[in-house]
Amino acid sequence: THQQKQVTIQNGKPVFYEPAELKAARAKLMAYLGQH
């Protein structure tokens, strides 16, 4: 789910990113939704 975004610290500031599982879920939904 969207709630599974991760955070890392770069140059003392939080940076949010999508882990591989979330990117795959997003890509899967986009592929199926794109057909409709």
PDB file of all heavy atoms in Angstrom:
ATOM      1  N   THR A   1       0.819  -1.211   0.000  1.00  0.00           N
ATOM      2  CA  THR A   1       0.000   0.000   0.000  1.00  0.00           C
ATOM      3  C   THR A   1       0.850   1.258   0.000  1.00  0.00           C
ATOM      4  O   THR A   1       2.062   1.226   0.236  1.00  0.00           O
ATOM      5  CB  THR A   1      -0.932   0.041   1.228  1.00  0.00           C
ATOM      6  OG1 THR A   1      -0.125   0.183   2.402  1.00  0.00           O
ATOM      7  CG2 THR A   1      -1.784  -1.210   1.320  1.00  0.00           C
ATOM      8  N   HIS A   2       0.180   2.368  -0.256  1.00  0.00           N
ATOM      9  CA  HIS A   2       0.807   3.683  -0.284  1.00  0.00           C
ATOM     10  C   HIS A   2       1.500   3.984   1.051  1.00  0.00           C
ATOM     11  O   HIS A   2       2.468   4.734   1.085  1.00  0.00           O
ATOM     12  CB  HIS A   2      -0.275   4.737  -0.583  1.00  0.00           C
ATOM     13  CG  HIS A   2       0.264   6.106  -0.789  1.00  0.00           C
ATOM     14  ND1 HIS A   2       0.905   6.471  -1.947  1.00  0.00           N
ATOM     15  CD2 HIS A   2       0.273   7.204   0.006  1.00  0.00           C
ATOM     16  CE1 HIS A   2       1.282   7.730  -1.853  1.00  0.00           C
ATOM     17  NE2 HIS A   2       0.901   8.201  -0.687  1.00  0.00           N
ATOM     18  N   GLN A   3       1.004   3.414   2.120  1.00  0.00           N
ATOM     19  CA  GLN A   3       1.559   3.665   3.449  1.00  0.00           C
ATOM     20  C   GLN A   3       2.953   3.070   3.626  1.00  0.00           C
ATOM     21  O   GLN A   3       3.607   3.336   4.613  1.00  0.00           O
ATOM     22  CB  GLN A   3       0.637   3.081   4.521  1.00  0.00           C
ATOM     23  CG  GLN A   3      -0.726   3.726   4.575  1.00  0.00           C
ATOM     24  CD  GLN A   3      -0.645   5.208   4.822  1.00  0.00           C
ATOM     25  OE1 GLN A   3      -0.888   5.996   3.930  1.00  0.00           O
ATOM     26  NE2 GLN A   3      -0.287   5.605   6.003  1.00  0.00           N
ATOM     27  N   GLN A   4       3.405   2.277   2.676  1.00  0.00           N
ATOM     28  CA  GLN A   4       4.686   1.603   2.838  1.00  0.00           C
ATOM     29  C   GLN A   4       5.857   2.368   2.232  1.00  0.00           C
ATOM     30  O   GLN A   4       6.905   1.808   1.982  1.00  0.00           O
ATOM     31  CB  GLN A   4       4.589   0.178   2.280  1.00  0.00           C
ATOM     32  CG  GLN A   4       3.654  -0.659   3.136  1.00  0.00           C
ATOM     33  CD  GLN A   4       3.357  -2.023   2.550  1.00  0.00           C
ATOM     34  OE1 GLN A   4       3.138  -2.177   1.365  1.00  0.00           O
ATOM     35  NE2 GLN A   4       3.342  -3.024   3.403  1.00  0.00           N
ATOM     36  N   LYS A   5       5.658   3.666   2.002  1.00  0.00           N
ATOM     37  CA  LYS A   5       6.782   4.493   1.562  1.00  0.00           C
ATOM     38  C   LYS A   5       7.831   4.465   2.657  1.00  0.00           C
ATOM     39  O   LYS A   5       7.529   4.302   3.834  1.00  0.00           O
ATOM     40  CB  LYS A   5       6.335   5.930   1.290  1.00  0.00           C
ATOM     41  CG  LYS A   5       5.631   6.083  -0.030  1.00  0.00           C
ATOM     42  CD  LYS A   5       5.485   7.531  -0.393  1.00  0.00           C
ATOM     43  CE  LYS A   5       4.898   7.634  -1.784  1.00  0.00           C
ATOM     44  NZ  LYS A   5       4.819   9.017  -2.232  1.00  0.00           N
ATOM     45  N   GLN A   6       9.077   4.655   2.260  1.00  0.00           N
ATOM     46  CA  GLN A   6      10.196   4.622   3.197  1.00  0.00           C
ATOM     47  C   GLN A   6      10.831   6.010   3.272  1.00  0.00           C
ATOM     48  O   GLN A   6      10.618   6.853   2.405  1.00  0.00           O
ATOM     49  CB  GLN A   6      11.234   3.600   2.729  1.00  0.00           C
ATOM     50  CG  GLN A   6      10.702   2.181   2.616  1.00  0.00           C
ATOM     51  CD  GLN A   6      10.378   1.580   3.964  1.00  0.00           C
ATOM     52  OE1 GLN A   6      11.166   1.690   4.909  1.00  0.00           O
ATOM     53  NE2 GLN A   6       9.225   0.959   4.074  1.00  0.00           N
ATOM     54  N   VAL A   7      11.644   6.211   4.287  1.00  0.00           N
ATOM     55  CA  VAL A   7      12.354   7.477   4.446  1.00  0.00           C
ATOM     56  C   VAL A   7      13.822   7.185   4.724  1.00  0.00           C
ATOM     57  O   VAL A   7      14.164   6.208   5.388  1.00  0.00           O
ATOM     58  CB  VAL A   7      11.728   8.340   5.574  1.00  0.00           C
ATOM     59  CG1 VAL A   7      11.872   7.677   6.931  1.00  0.00           C
ATOM     60  CG2 VAL A   7      12.315   9.733   5.578  1.00  0.00           C
ATOM     61  N   THR A   8      14.671   8.009   4.172  1.00  0.00           N
ATOM     62  CA  THR A   8      16.101   7.944   4.445  1.00  0.00           C
ATOM     63  C   THR A   8      16.568   9.366   4.719  1.00  0.00           C
ATOM     64  O   THR A   8      15.869  10.321   4.388  1.00  0.00           O
ATOM     65  CB  THR A   8      16.875   7.309   3.258  1.00  0.00           C
ATOM     66  OG1 THR A   8      18.237   7.135   3.630  1.00  0.00           O
ATOM     67  CG2 THR A   8      16.793   8.166   2.018  1.00  0.00           C
ATOM     68  N   ILE A   9      17.719   9.500   5.312  1.00  0.00           N
ATOM     69  CA  ILE A   9      18.264  10.822   5.605  1.00  0.00           C
ATOM     70  C   ILE A   9      19.425  11.086   4.651  1.00  0.00           C
ATOM     71  O   ILE A   9      20.362  10.289   4.569  1.00  0.00           O
ATOM     72  CB  ILE A   9      18.754  10.930   7.073  1.00  0.00           C
ATOM     73  CG1 ILE A   9      17.627  10.567   8.057  1.00  0.00           C
ATOM     74  CG2 ILE A   9      19.320  12.312   7.360  1.00  0.00           C
ATOM     75  CD1 ILE A   9      16.437  11.495   8.013  1.00  0.00           C
ATOM     76  N   GLN A  10      19.330  12.196   3.912  1.00  0.00           N
ATOM     77  CA  GLN A  10      20.406  12.611   3.018  1.00  0.00           C
ATOM     78  C   GLN A  10      20.748  14.061   3.320  1.00  0.00           C
ATOM     79  O   GLN A  10      19.869  14.919   3.299  1.00  0.00           O
ATOM     80  CB  GLN A  10      19.993  12.455   1.552  1.00  0.00           C
ATOM     81  CG  GLN A  10      19.827  11.007   1.131  1.00  0.00           C
ATOM     82  CD  GLN A  10      19.444  10.874  -0.341  1.00  0.00           C
ATOM     83  OE1 GLN A  10      19.201  11.855  -1.039  1.00  0.00           O
ATOM     84  NE2 GLN A  10      19.394   9.648  -0.803  1.00  0.00           N
ATOM     85  N   ASN A  11      22.008  14.302   3.609  1.00  0.00           N
ATOM     86  CA  ASN A  11      22.465  15.655   3.970  1.00  0.00           C
ATOM     87  C   ASN A  11      21.676  16.218   5.138  1.00  0.00           C
ATOM     88  O   ASN A  11      21.312  17.388   5.158  1.00  0.00           O
ATOM     89  CB  ASN A  11      22.389  16.613   2.768  1.00  0.00           C
ATOM     90  CG  ASN A  11      23.249  16.156   1.616  1.00  0.00           C
ATOM     91  OD1 ASN A  11      24.345  15.642   1.833  1.00  0.00           O
ATOM     92  ND2 ASN A  11      22.763  16.331   0.405  1.00  0.00           N
ATOM     93  N   GLY A  12      21.323  15.346   6.087  1.00  0.00           N
ATOM     94  CA  GLY A  12      20.607  15.775   7.280  1.00  0.00           C
ATOM     95  C   GLY A  12      19.119  16.026   7.089  1.00  0.00           C
ATOM     96  O   GLY A  12      18.449  16.488   7.999  1.00  0.00           O
ATOM     97  N   LYS A  13      18.582  15.711   5.895  1.00  0.00           N
ATOM     98  CA  LYS A  13      17.163  15.949   5.626  1.00  0.00           C
ATOM     99  C   LYS A  13      16.473  14.652   5.237  1.00  0.00           C
ATOM    100  O   LYS A  13      17.046  13.804   4.548  1.00  0.00           O
ATOM    101  CB  LYS A  13      16.998  16.970   4.491  1.00  0.00           C
ATOM    102  CG  LYS A  13      17.524  18.346   4.845  1.00  0.00           C
ATOM    103  CD  LYS A  13      17.265  19.316   3.742  1.00  0.00           C
ATOM    104  CE  LYS A  13      17.799  20.687   4.127  1.00  0.00           C
ATOM    105  NZ  LYS A  13      17.535  21.661   3.090  1.00  0.00           N
ATOM    106  N   PRO A  14      15.204  14.478   5.671  1.00  0.00           N
ATOM    107  CA  PRO A  14      14.476  13.262   5.301  1.00  0.00           C
ATOM    108  C   PRO A  14      14.098  13.278   3.818  1.00  0.00           C
ATOM    109  O   PRO A  14      13.660  14.293   3.287  1.00  0.00           O
ATOM    110  CB  PRO A  14      13.227  13.299   6.186  1.00  0.00           C
ATOM    111  CG  PRO A  14      13.043  14.748   6.518  1.00  0.00           C
ATOM    112  CD  PRO A  14      14.417  15.359   6.525  1.00  0.00           C
ATOM    113  N   VAL A  15      14.294  12.138   3.176  1.00  0.00           N
ATOM    114  CA  VAL A  15      13.920  11.975   1.774  1.00  0.00           C
ATOM    115  C   VAL A  15      13.039  10.727   1.686  1.00  0.00           C
ATOM    116  O   VAL A  15      13.450   9.645   2.098  1.00  0.00           O
ATOM    117  CB  VAL A  15      15.166  11.808   0.871  1.00  0.00           C
ATOM    118  CG1 VAL A  15      14.752  11.536  -0.568  1.00  0.00           C
ATOM    119  CG2 VAL A  15      16.062  13.034   0.965  1.00  0.00           C
ATOM    120  N   PHE A  16      11.819  10.894   1.164  1.00  0.00           N
ATOM    121  CA  PHE A  16      10.886   9.775   1.050  1.00  0.00           C
ATOM    122  C   PHE A  16      11.067   9.096  -0.301  1.00  0.00           C
ATOM    123  O   PHE A  16      11.323   9.761  -1.309  1.00  0.00           O
ATOM    124  CB  PHE A  16       9.441  10.265   1.214  1.00  0.00           C
ATOM    125  CG  PHE A  16       9.149  10.755   2.596  1.00  0.00           C
ATOM    126  CD1 PHE A  16       9.334  12.093   2.929  1.00  0.00           C
ATOM    127  CD2 PHE A  16       8.699   9.878   3.572  1.00  0.00           C
ATOM    128  CE1 PHE A  16       9.082  12.544   4.214  1.00  0.00           C
ATOM    129  CE2 PHE A  16       8.434  10.325   4.853  1.00  0.00           C
ATOM    130  CZ  PHE A  16       8.629  11.662   5.178  1.00  0.00           C
ATOM    131  N   TYR A  17      10.933   7.770  -0.304  1.00  0.00           N
ATOM    132  CA  TYR A  17      11.061   7.029  -1.549  1.00  0.00           C
ATOM    133  C   TYR A  17      10.162   5.797  -1.510  1.00  0.00           C
ATOM    134  O   TYR A  17       9.711   5.377  -0.451  1.00  0.00           O
ATOM    135  CB  TYR A  17      12.515   6.615  -1.803  1.00  0.00           C
ATOM    136  CG  TYR A  17      13.047   5.593  -0.822  1.00  0.00           C
ATOM    137  CD1 TYR A  17      13.020   4.232  -1.135  1.00  0.00           C
ATOM    138  CD2 TYR A  17      13.563   5.968   0.416  1.00  0.00           C
ATOM    139  CE1 TYR A  17      13.489   3.280  -0.246  1.00  0.00           C
ATOM    140  CE2 TYR A  17      14.032   5.028   1.312  1.00  0.00           C
ATOM    141  CZ  TYR A  17      14.005   3.691   0.976  1.00  0.00           C
ATOM    142  OH  TYR A  17      14.468   2.751   1.862  1.00  0.00           O
ATOM    143  N   GLU A  18       9.893   5.254  -2.709  1.00  0.00           N
ATOM    144  CA  GLU A  18       9.083   4.044  -2.814  1.00  0.00           C
ATOM    145  C   GLU A  18       9.991   2.829  -2.898  1.00  0.00           C
ATOM    146  O   GLU A  18      10.844   2.768  -3.783  1.00  0.00           O
ATOM    147  CB  GLU A  18       8.198   4.095  -4.068  1.00  0.00           C
ATOM    148  CG  GLU A  18       7.083   5.093  -3.996  1.00  0.00           C
ATOM    149  CD  GLU A  18       6.115   4.976  -5.170  1.00  0.00           C
ATOM    150  OE1 GLU A  18       6.406   4.256  -6.147  1.00  0.00           O
ATOM    151  OE2 GLU A  18       5.058   5.618  -5.098  1.00  0.00           O
ATOM    152  N   PRO A  19       9.817   1.875  -1.989  1.00  0.00           N
ATOM    153  CA  PRO A  19      10.596   0.637  -2.102  1.00  0.00           C
ATOM    154  C   PRO A  19      10.162  -0.150  -3.348  1.00  0.00           C
ATOM    155  O   PRO A  19       9.115   0.133  -3.946  1.00  0.00           O
ATOM    156  CB  PRO A  19      10.272  -0.120  -0.822  1.00  0.00           C
ATOM    157  CG  PRO A  19       9.006   0.465  -0.319  1.00  0.00           C
ATOM    158  CD  PRO A  19       8.930   1.867  -0.836  1.00  0.00           C
ATOM    159  N   ALA A  20      10.958  -1.126  -3.735  1.00  0.00           N
ATOM    160  CA  ALA A  20      10.713  -1.908  -4.951  1.00  0.00           C
ATOM    161  C   ALA A  20       9.314  -2.527  -4.971  1.00  0.00           C
ATOM    162  O   ALA A  20       8.648  -2.530  -6.009  1.00  0.00           O
ATOM    163  CB  ALA A  20      11.781  -2.990  -5.101  1.00  0.00           C
ATOM    164  N   GLU A  21       8.842  -3.047  -3.830  1.00  0.00           N
ATOM    165  CA  GLU A  21       7.502  -3.663  -3.773  1.00  0.00           C
ATOM    166  C   GLU A  21       6.401  -2.666  -4.115  1.00  0.00           C
ATOM    167  O   GLU A  21       5.452  -2.987  -4.826  1.00  0.00           O
ATOM    168  CB  GLU A  21       7.229  -4.231  -2.380  1.00  0.00           C
ATOM    169  CG  GLU A  21       7.953  -5.509  -2.063  1.00  0.00           C
ATOM    170  CD  GLU A  21       7.604  -6.009  -0.653  1.00  0.00           C
ATOM    171  OE1 GLU A  21       6.959  -5.265   0.122  1.00  0.00           O
ATOM    172  OE2 GLU A  21       7.986  -7.147  -0.350  1.00  0.00           O
ATOM    173  N   LEU A  22       6.521  -1.448  -3.609  1.00  0.00           N
ATOM    174  CA  LEU A  22       5.516  -0.421  -3.878  1.00  0.00           C
ATOM    175  C   LEU A  22       5.573   0.016  -5.337  1.00  0.00           C
ATOM    176  O   LEU A  22       4.537   0.202  -5.979  1.00  0.00           O
ATOM    177  CB  LEU A  22       5.705   0.773  -2.937  1.00  0.00           C
ATOM    178  CG  LEU A  22       4.725   1.937  -3.074  1.00  0.00           C
ATOM    179  CD1 LEU A  22       3.279   1.465  -2.994  1.00  0.00           C
ATOM    180  CD2 LEU A  22       5.000   2.977  -2.006  1.00  0.00           C
ATOM    181  N   LYS A  23       6.769   0.150  -5.888  1.00  0.00           N
ATOM    182  CA  LYS A  23       6.912   0.495  -7.307  1.00  0.00           C
ATOM    183  C   LYS A  23       6.271  -0.581  -8.178  1.00  0.00           C
ATOM    184  O   LYS A  23       5.594  -0.274  -9.165  1.00  0.00           O
ATOM    185  CB  LYS A  23       8.380   0.652  -7.680  1.00  0.00           C
ATOM    186  CG  LYS A  23       8.993   1.945  -7.221  1.00  0.00           C
ATOM    187  CD  LYS A  23      10.433   2.051  -7.666  1.00  0.00           C
ATOM    188  CE  LYS A  23      11.055   3.333  -7.168  1.00  0.00           C
ATOM    189  NZ  LYS A  23      12.469   3.457  -7.529  1.00  0.00           N
ATOM    190  N   ALA A  24       6.473  -1.849  -7.816  1.00  0.00           N
ATOM    191  CA  ALA A  24       5.894  -2.955  -8.590  1.00  0.00           C
ATOM    192  C   ALA A  24       4.371  -2.941  -8.504  1.00  0.00           C
ATOM    193  O   ALA A  24       3.679  -3.155  -9.505  1.00  0.00           O
ATOM    194  CB  ALA A  24       6.453  -4.290  -8.097  1.00  0.00           C
ATOM    195  N   ALA A  25       3.830  -2.678  -7.312  1.00  0.00           N
ATOM    196  CA  ALA A  25       2.373  -2.616  -7.134  1.00  0.00           C
ATOM    197  C   ALA A  25       1.789  -1.474  -7.955  1.00  0.00           C
ATOM    198  O   ALA A  25       0.758  -1.622  -8.616  1.00  0.00           O
ATOM    199  CB  ALA A  25       2.025  -2.447  -5.650  1.00  0.00           C
ATOM    200  N   ARG A  26       2.446  -0.332  -7.933  1.00  0.00           N
ATOM    201  CA  ARG A  26       1.991   0.829  -8.710  1.00  0.00           C
ATOM    202  C   ARG A  26       2.018   0.497 -10.211  1.00  0.00           C
ATOM    203  O   ARG A  26       1.062   0.775 -10.934  1.00  0.00           O
ATOM    204  CB  ARG A  26       2.863   2.050  -8.418  1.00  0.00           C
ATOM    205  CG  ARG A  26       2.409   3.313  -9.125  1.00  0.00           C
ATOM    206  CD  ARG A  26       3.308   4.500  -8.809  1.00  0.00           C
ATOM    207  NE  ARG A  26       3.340   4.823  -7.398  1.00  0.00           N
ATOM    208  CZ  ARG A  26       2.418   5.541  -6.771  1.00  0.00           C
ATOM    209  NH1 ARG A  26       1.377   6.007  -7.432  1.00  0.00           N
ATOM    210  NH2 ARG A  26       2.541   5.791  -5.482  1.00  0.00           N
ATOM    211  N   ALA A  27       3.095  -0.113 -10.673  1.00  0.00           N
ATOM    212  CA  ALA A  27       3.219  -0.455 -12.097  1.00  0.00           C
ATOM    213  C   ALA A  27       2.133  -1.455 -12.512  1.00  0.00           C
ATOM    214  O   ALA A  27       1.545  -1.335 -13.594  1.00  0.00           O
ATOM    215  CB  ALA A  27       4.613  -1.020 -12.379  1.00  0.00           C
ATOM    216  N   LYS A  28       1.852  -2.431 -11.654  1.00  0.00           N
ATOM    217  CA  LYS A  28       0.819  -3.430 -11.951  1.00  0.00           C
ATOM    218  C   LYS A  28      -0.549  -2.760 -12.077  1.00  0.00           C
ATOM    219  O   LYS A  28      -1.283  -2.994 -13.050  1.00  0.00           O
ATOM    220  CB  LYS A  28       0.794  -4.493 -10.849  1.00  0.00           C
ATOM    221  CG  LYS A  28      -0.227  -5.594 -11.056  1.00  0.00           C
ATOM    222  CD  LYS A  28      -0.124  -6.629  -9.936  1.00  0.00           C
ATOM    223  CE  LYS A  28      -1.041  -7.810 -10.172  1.00  0.00           C
ATOM    224  NZ  LYS A  28      -0.888  -8.850  -9.152  1.00  0.00           N
ATOM    225  N   LEU A  29      -0.887  -1.916 -11.110  1.00  0.00           N
ATOM    226  CA  LEU A  29      -2.183  -1.222 -11.152  1.00  0.00           C
ATOM    227  C   LEU A  29      -2.275  -0.319 -12.384  1.00  0.00           C
ATOM    228  O   LEU A  29      -3.306  -0.290 -13.062  1.00  0.00           O
ATOM    229  CB  LEU A  29      -2.403  -0.410  -9.884  1.00  0.00           C
ATOM    230  CG  LEU A  29      -2.804  -1.199  -8.644  1.00  0.00           C
ATOM    231  CD1 LEU A  29      -2.807  -0.298  -7.411  1.00  0.00           C
ATOM    232  CD2 LEU A  29      -4.157  -1.856  -8.821  1.00  0.00           C
ATOM    233  N   MET A  30      -1.211   0.404 -12.677  1.00  0.00           N
ATOM    234  CA  MET A  30      -1.217   1.300 -13.838  1.00  0.00           C
ATOM    235  C   MET A  30      -1.444   0.517 -15.134  1.00  0.00           C
ATOM    236  O   MET A  30      -2.198   0.960 -16.002  1.00  0.00           O
ATOM    237  CB  MET A  30       0.101   2.081 -13.918  1.00  0.00           C
ATOM    238  CG  MET A  30       0.323   3.046 -12.770  1.00  0.00           C
ATOM    239  SD  MET A  30      -0.740   4.480 -12.790  1.00  0.00           S
ATOM    240  CE  MET A  30      -0.074   5.351 -14.176  1.00  0.00           C
ATOM    241  N   ALA A  31      -0.807  -0.639 -15.260  1.00  0.00           N
ATOM    242  CA  ALA A  31      -0.952  -1.452 -16.474  1.00  0.00           C
ATOM    243  C   ALA A  31      -2.392  -1.924 -16.649  1.00  0.00           C
ATOM    244  O   ALA A  31      -2.952  -1.847 -17.748  1.00  0.00           O
ATOM    245  CB  ALA A  31      -0.001  -2.643 -16.423  1.00  0.00           C
ATOM    246  N   TYR A  32      -3.011  -2.396 -15.583  1.00  0.00           N
ATOM    247  CA  TYR A  32      -4.393  -2.875 -15.663  1.00  0.00           C
ATOM    248  C   TYR A  32      -5.374  -1.720 -15.829  1.00  0.00           C
ATOM    249  O   TYR A  32      -6.301  -1.789 -16.640  1.00  0.00           O
ATOM    250  CB  TYR A  32      -4.757  -3.693 -14.423  1.00  0.00           C
ATOM    251  CG  TYR A  32      -4.265  -5.120 -14.480  1.00  0.00           C
ATOM    252  CD1 TYR A  32      -2.986  -5.457 -14.064  1.00  0.00           C
ATOM    253  CD2 TYR A  32      -5.089  -6.142 -14.942  1.00  0.00           C
ATOM    254  CE1 TYR A  32      -2.538  -6.765 -14.108  1.00  0.00           C
ATOM    255  CE2 TYR A  32      -4.654  -7.460 -14.995  1.00  0.00           C
ATOM    256  CZ  TYR A  32      -3.369  -7.768 -14.573  1.00  0.00           C
ATOM    257  OH  TYR A  32      -2.931  -9.065 -14.627  1.00  0.00           O
ATOM    258  N   LEU A  33      -5.184  -0.646 -15.060  1.00  0.00           N
ATOM    259  CA  LEU A  33      -6.091   0.503 -15.141  1.00  0.00           C
ATOM    260  C   LEU A  33      -6.005   1.185 -16.500  1.00  0.00           C
ATOM    261  O   LEU A  33      -7.004   1.703 -17.006  1.00  0.00           O
ATOM    262  CB  LEU A  33      -5.775   1.518 -14.038  1.00  0.00           C
ATOM    263  CG  LEU A  33      -6.158   1.110 -12.625  1.00  0.00           C
ATOM    264  CD1 LEU A  33      -5.490   2.020 -11.605  1.00  0.00           C
ATOM    265  CD2 LEU A  33      -7.668   1.105 -12.455  1.00  0.00           C
ATOM    266  N   GLY A  34      -4.833   1.185 -17.093  1.00  0.00           N
ATOM    267  CA  GLY A  34      -4.631   1.834 -18.388  1.00  0.00           C
ATOM    268  C   GLY A  34      -5.518   1.264 -19.486  1.00  0.00           C
ATOM    269  O   GLY A  34      -5.787   1.939 -20.484  1.00  0.00           O
ATOM    270  N   GLN A  35      -6.000   0.059 -19.307  1.00  0.00           N
ATOM    271  CA  GLN A  35      -6.848  -0.593 -20.303  1.00  0.00           C
ATOM    272  C   GLN A  35      -8.308  -0.128 -20.238  1.00  0.00           C
ATOM    273  O   GLN A  35      -9.106  -0.471 -21.109  1.00  0.00           O
ATOM    274  CB  GLN A  35      -6.804  -2.116 -20.106  1.00  0.00           C
ATOM    275  CG  GLN A  35      -5.422  -2.708 -20.248  1.00  0.00           C
ATOM    276  CD  GLN A  35      -5.400  -4.181 -19.858  1.00  0.00           C
ATOM    277  OE1 GLN A  35      -6.344  -4.912 -20.133  1.00  0.00           O
ATOM    278  NE2 GLN A  35      -4.337  -4.597 -19.204  1.00  0.00           N
ATOM    279  N   HIS A  36      -8.670   0.626 -19.197  1.00  0.00           N
ATOM    280  CA  HIS A  36     -10.078   0.978 -18.974  1.00  0.00           C
ATOM    281  C   HIS A  36     -10.320   2.478 -18.815  1.00  0.00           C
ATOM    282  O   HIS A  36     -11.386   2.877 -18.348  1.00  0.00           O
ATOM    283  CB  HIS A  36     -10.593   0.250 -17.726  1.00  0.00           C
ATOM    284  CG  HIS A  36     -10.427  -1.227 -17.787  1.00  0.00           C
ATOM    285  ND1 HIS A  36     -11.272  -2.046 -18.501  1.00  0.00           N
ATOM    286  CD2 HIS A  36      -9.483  -2.042 -17.243  1.00  0.00           C
ATOM    287  CE1 HIS A  36     -10.880  -3.305 -18.390  1.00  0.00           C
ATOM    288  NE2 HIS A  36      -9.802  -3.320 -17.630  1.00  0.00           N
TER     289      HIS A  36
END
